[in-house]
C-alpha cells in the first residue's frame, strides 16, 4: 500500500505514523492503548480495502471519522493539526461539523 502525500511524494503506508498522530491527539485523555491500536488497525484495513494507493488526505478523514466516535476533544486536537487551524473560528466550524456527525451516528 502506498500513500500519496500532499506534496506529491509517494511512500509506503506506515501504521506507526497513524499511531503517533493518535497518541498526540489523545494525550491526557481517557483513551486506552488498545483503543488507539484498534483505530489504527481500522485505518489500515480501510486503506487496504480502498486499493493499493491512497492519499494522506483520505487517511486523515478516516482517522477523524473514527476518532470522532471515540472522543470529541481528541478529534478536535487531530483536526486542528490535520486541517491546519489558524483561528478560533476554525475550531467553531469544526465543533459544528462534529455535532452534525454525531447526530448522523446517533
C-alpha atoms as a PDB file:
ATOM      1  CA  UNK A   1       0.000   0.000   0.000  1.00  0.00           C
ATOM      2  CA  UNK A   2       1.350   3.398  -0.930  1.00  0.00           C
ATOM      3  CA  UNK A   3       0.371   6.865   0.218  1.00  0.00           C
ATOM      4  CA  UNK A   4       0.454   9.980  -1.929  1.00  0.00           C
ATOM      5  CA  UNK A   5       1.441  12.882   0.307  1.00  0.00           C
ATOM      6  CA  UNK A   6       0.140  16.436  -0.145  1.00  0.00           C
ATOM      7  CA  UNK A   7       3.426  17.441  -1.805  1.00  0.00           C
ATOM      8  CA  UNK A   8       3.026  14.650  -4.385  1.00  0.00           C
ATOM      9  CA  UNK A   9       5.664  12.362  -2.926  1.00  0.00           C
ATOM     10  CA  UNK A  10       4.826   8.692  -2.508  1.00  0.00           C
ATOM     11  CA  UNK A  11       5.734   6.498   0.432  1.00  0.00           C
ATOM     12  CA  UNK A  12       4.633   3.157   1.867  1.00  0.00           C
ATOM     13  CA  UNK A  13       1.740   3.158   4.334  1.00  0.00           C
ATOM     14  CA  UNK A  14       3.149   3.269   7.866  1.00  0.00           C
ATOM     15  CA  UNK A  15       0.717   2.361  10.623  1.00  0.00           C
ATOM     16  CA  UNK A  16       3.131   3.740  13.236  1.00  0.00           C
ATOM     17  CA  UNK A  17       2.578   7.243  11.821  1.00  0.00           C
ATOM     18  CA  UNK A  18      -1.163   6.826  12.411  1.00  0.00           C
ATOM     19  CA  UNK A  19      -0.483   5.594  15.947  1.00  0.00           C
ATOM     20  CA  UNK A  20       1.839   8.548  16.656  1.00  0.00           C
ATOM     21  CA  UNK A  21      -0.780  11.020  15.426  1.00  0.00           C
ATOM     22  CA  UNK A  22      -3.396   9.351  17.596  1.00  0.00           C
ATOM     23  CA  UNK A  23      -1.084   9.378  20.622  1.00  0.00           C
ATOM     24  CA  UNK A  24      -0.523  13.108  20.216  1.00  0.00           C
ATOM     25  CA  UNK A  25      -4.243  13.819  19.799  1.00  0.00           C
ATOM     26  CA  UNK A  26      -5.285  11.657  22.756  1.00  0.00           C
ATOM     27  CA  UNK A  27      -2.545  12.680  25.202  1.00  0.00           C
ATOM     28  CA  UNK A  28      -4.052  13.191  28.652  1.00  0.00           C
ATOM     29  CA  UNK A  29      -7.437  11.860  27.551  1.00  0.00           C
ATOM     30  CA  UNK A  30      -9.078   8.686  28.813  1.00  0.00           C
ATOM     31  CA  UNK A  31      -8.217   6.692  25.693  1.00  0.00           C
ATOM     32  CA  UNK A  32      -6.527   3.322  26.144  1.00  0.00           C
ATOM     33  CA  UNK A  33      -3.612   1.991  24.141  1.00  0.00           C
ATOM     34  CA  UNK A  34      -5.976  -0.743  22.980  1.00  0.00           C
ATOM     35  CA  UNK A  35      -8.432   1.844  21.591  1.00  0.00           C
ATOM     36  CA  UNK A  36      -5.606   3.620  19.783  1.00  0.00           C
ATOM     37  CA  UNK A  37      -4.436   0.342  18.285  1.00  0.00           C
ATOM     38  CA  UNK A  38      -7.998  -0.538  17.242  1.00  0.00           C
ATOM     39  CA  UNK A  39      -8.383   2.801  15.466  1.00  0.00           C
ATOM     40  CA  UNK A  40      -5.004   2.388  13.738  1.00  0.00           C
ATOM     41  CA  UNK A  41      -5.959  -1.156  12.664  1.00  0.00           C
ATOM     42  CA  UNK A  42      -9.284   0.099  11.305  1.00  0.00           C
ATOM     43  CA  UNK A  43      -7.462   2.826   9.349  1.00  0.00           C
ATOM     44  CA  UNK A  44      -5.053   0.272   7.917  1.00  0.00           C
ATOM     45  CA  UNK A  45      -7.911  -2.085   6.991  1.00  0.00           C
ATOM     46  CA  UNK A  46      -9.842   0.731   5.304  1.00  0.00           C
ATOM     47  CA  UNK A  47      -6.794   1.834   3.333  1.00  0.00           C
ATOM     48  CA  UNK A  48      -6.098  -1.757   2.283  1.00  0.00           C
ATOM     49  CA  UNK A  49      -9.683  -2.213   1.089  1.00  0.00           C
ATOM     50  CA  UNK A  50      -9.604   1.016  -0.912  1.00  0.00           C
ATOM     51  CA  UNK A  51      -6.830  -0.244  -3.181  1.00  0.00           C
ATOM     52  CA  UNK A  52      -3.087  -0.126  -3.440  1.00  0.00           C
ATOM     53  CA  UNK A  53      -2.826   3.682  -3.315  1.00  0.00           C
ATOM     54  CA  UNK A  54      -4.451   6.269  -1.051  1.00  0.00           C
ATOM     55  CA  UNK A  55      -3.776   9.899  -0.267  1.00  0.00           C
ATOM     56  CA  UNK A  56      -2.711  11.335   3.056  1.00  0.00           C
ATOM     57  CA  UNK A  57      -5.916  13.414   2.932  1.00  0.00           C
ATOM     58  CA  UNK A  58      -8.031  10.257   2.693  1.00  0.00           C
ATOM     59  CA  UNK A  59      -6.220   8.785   5.681  1.00  0.00           C
ATOM     60  CA  UNK A  60      -6.794  11.970   7.682  1.00  0.00           C
ATOM     61  CA  UNK A  61     -10.527  11.806   7.020  1.00  0.00           C
ATOM     62  CA  UNK A  62     -10.643   8.140   8.055  1.00  0.00           C
ATOM     63  CA  UNK A  63      -8.825   8.950  11.303  1.00  0.00           C
ATOM     64  CA  UNK A  64     -11.150  11.875  12.012  1.00  0.00           C
ATOM     65  CA  UNK A  65     -14.266   9.767  11.464  1.00  0.00           C
ATOM     66  CA  UNK A  66     -13.044   7.006  13.761  1.00  0.00           C
ATOM     67  CA  UNK A  67     -11.657   9.347  16.416  1.00  0.00           C
ATOM     68  CA  UNK A  68     -14.823  11.451  16.479  1.00  0.00           C
ATOM     69  CA  UNK A  69     -16.778   8.393  17.559  1.00  0.00           C
ATOM     70  CA  UNK A  70     -14.398   7.832  20.493  1.00  0.00           C
ATOM     71  CA  UNK A  71     -13.501  11.253  21.916  1.00  0.00           C
ATOM     72  CA  UNK A  72     -14.524  14.707  20.748  1.00  0.00           C
ATOM     73  CA  UNK A  73     -11.583  16.551  22.329  1.00  0.00           C
ATOM     74  CA  UNK A  74      -9.088  14.209  20.668  1.00  0.00           C
ATOM     75  CA  UNK A  75     -10.970  14.672  17.405  1.00  0.00           C
ATOM     76  CA  UNK A  76     -10.578  18.455  17.668  1.00  0.00           C
ATOM     77  CA  UNK A  77      -6.890  18.154  18.509  1.00  0.00           C
ATOM     78  CA  UNK A  78      -6.277  15.920  15.499  1.00  0.00           C
ATOM     79  CA  UNK A  79      -8.414  18.126  13.247  1.00  0.00           C
ATOM     80  CA  UNK A  80      -6.542  21.250  14.335  1.00  0.00           C
ATOM     81  CA  UNK A  81      -3.256  19.804  13.092  1.00  0.00           C
ATOM     82  CA  UNK A  82      -4.618  17.870  10.109  1.00  0.00           C
ATOM     83  CA  UNK A  83      -6.677  20.815   8.840  1.00  0.00           C
ATOM     84  CA  UNK A  84      -4.064  23.392   9.847  1.00  0.00           C
ATOM     85  CA  UNK A  85      -6.291  25.575  12.034  1.00  0.00           C
ATOM     86  CA  UNK A  86      -5.093  29.137  12.491  1.00  0.00           C
ATOM     87  CA  UNK A  87      -8.052  30.864  14.142  1.00  0.00           C
ATOM     88  CA  UNK A  88     -10.699  30.251  16.767  1.00  0.00           C
ATOM     89  CA  UNK A  89     -13.312  30.279  14.008  1.00  0.00           C
ATOM     90  CA  UNK A  90     -11.739  27.094  12.651  1.00  0.00           C
ATOM     91  CA  UNK A  91     -12.459  25.344  15.946  1.00  0.00           C
ATOM     92  CA  UNK A  92     -16.012  26.681  15.977  1.00  0.00           C
ATOM     93  CA  UNK A  93     -16.655  25.416  12.454  1.00  0.00           C
ATOM     94  CA  UNK A  94     -15.231  22.003  13.316  1.00  0.00           C
ATOM     95  CA  UNK A  95     -17.324  21.748  16.501  1.00  0.00           C
ATOM     96  CA  UNK A  96     -20.431  22.378  14.408  1.00  0.00           C
ATOM     97  CA  UNK A  97     -19.340  19.693  11.951  1.00  0.00           C
ATOM     98  CA  UNK A  98     -18.647  17.292  14.805  1.00  0.00           C
ATOM     99  CA  UNK A  99     -22.147  17.929  16.146  1.00  0.00           C
ATOM    100  CA  UNK A 100     -23.630  17.087  12.756  1.00  0.00           C
ATOM    101  CA  UNK A 101     -21.550  13.914  12.516  1.00  0.00           C
ATOM    102  CA  UNK A 102     -22.675  12.887  15.989  1.00  0.00           C
ATOM    103  CA  UNK A 103     -26.305  13.455  15.048  1.00  0.00           C
ATOM    104  CA  UNK A 104     -25.833  11.277  11.966  1.00  0.00           C
ATOM    105  CA  UNK A 105     -24.351   8.481  14.095  1.00  0.00           C
ATOM    106  CA  UNK A 106     -26.970   8.651  16.801  1.00  0.00           C
END
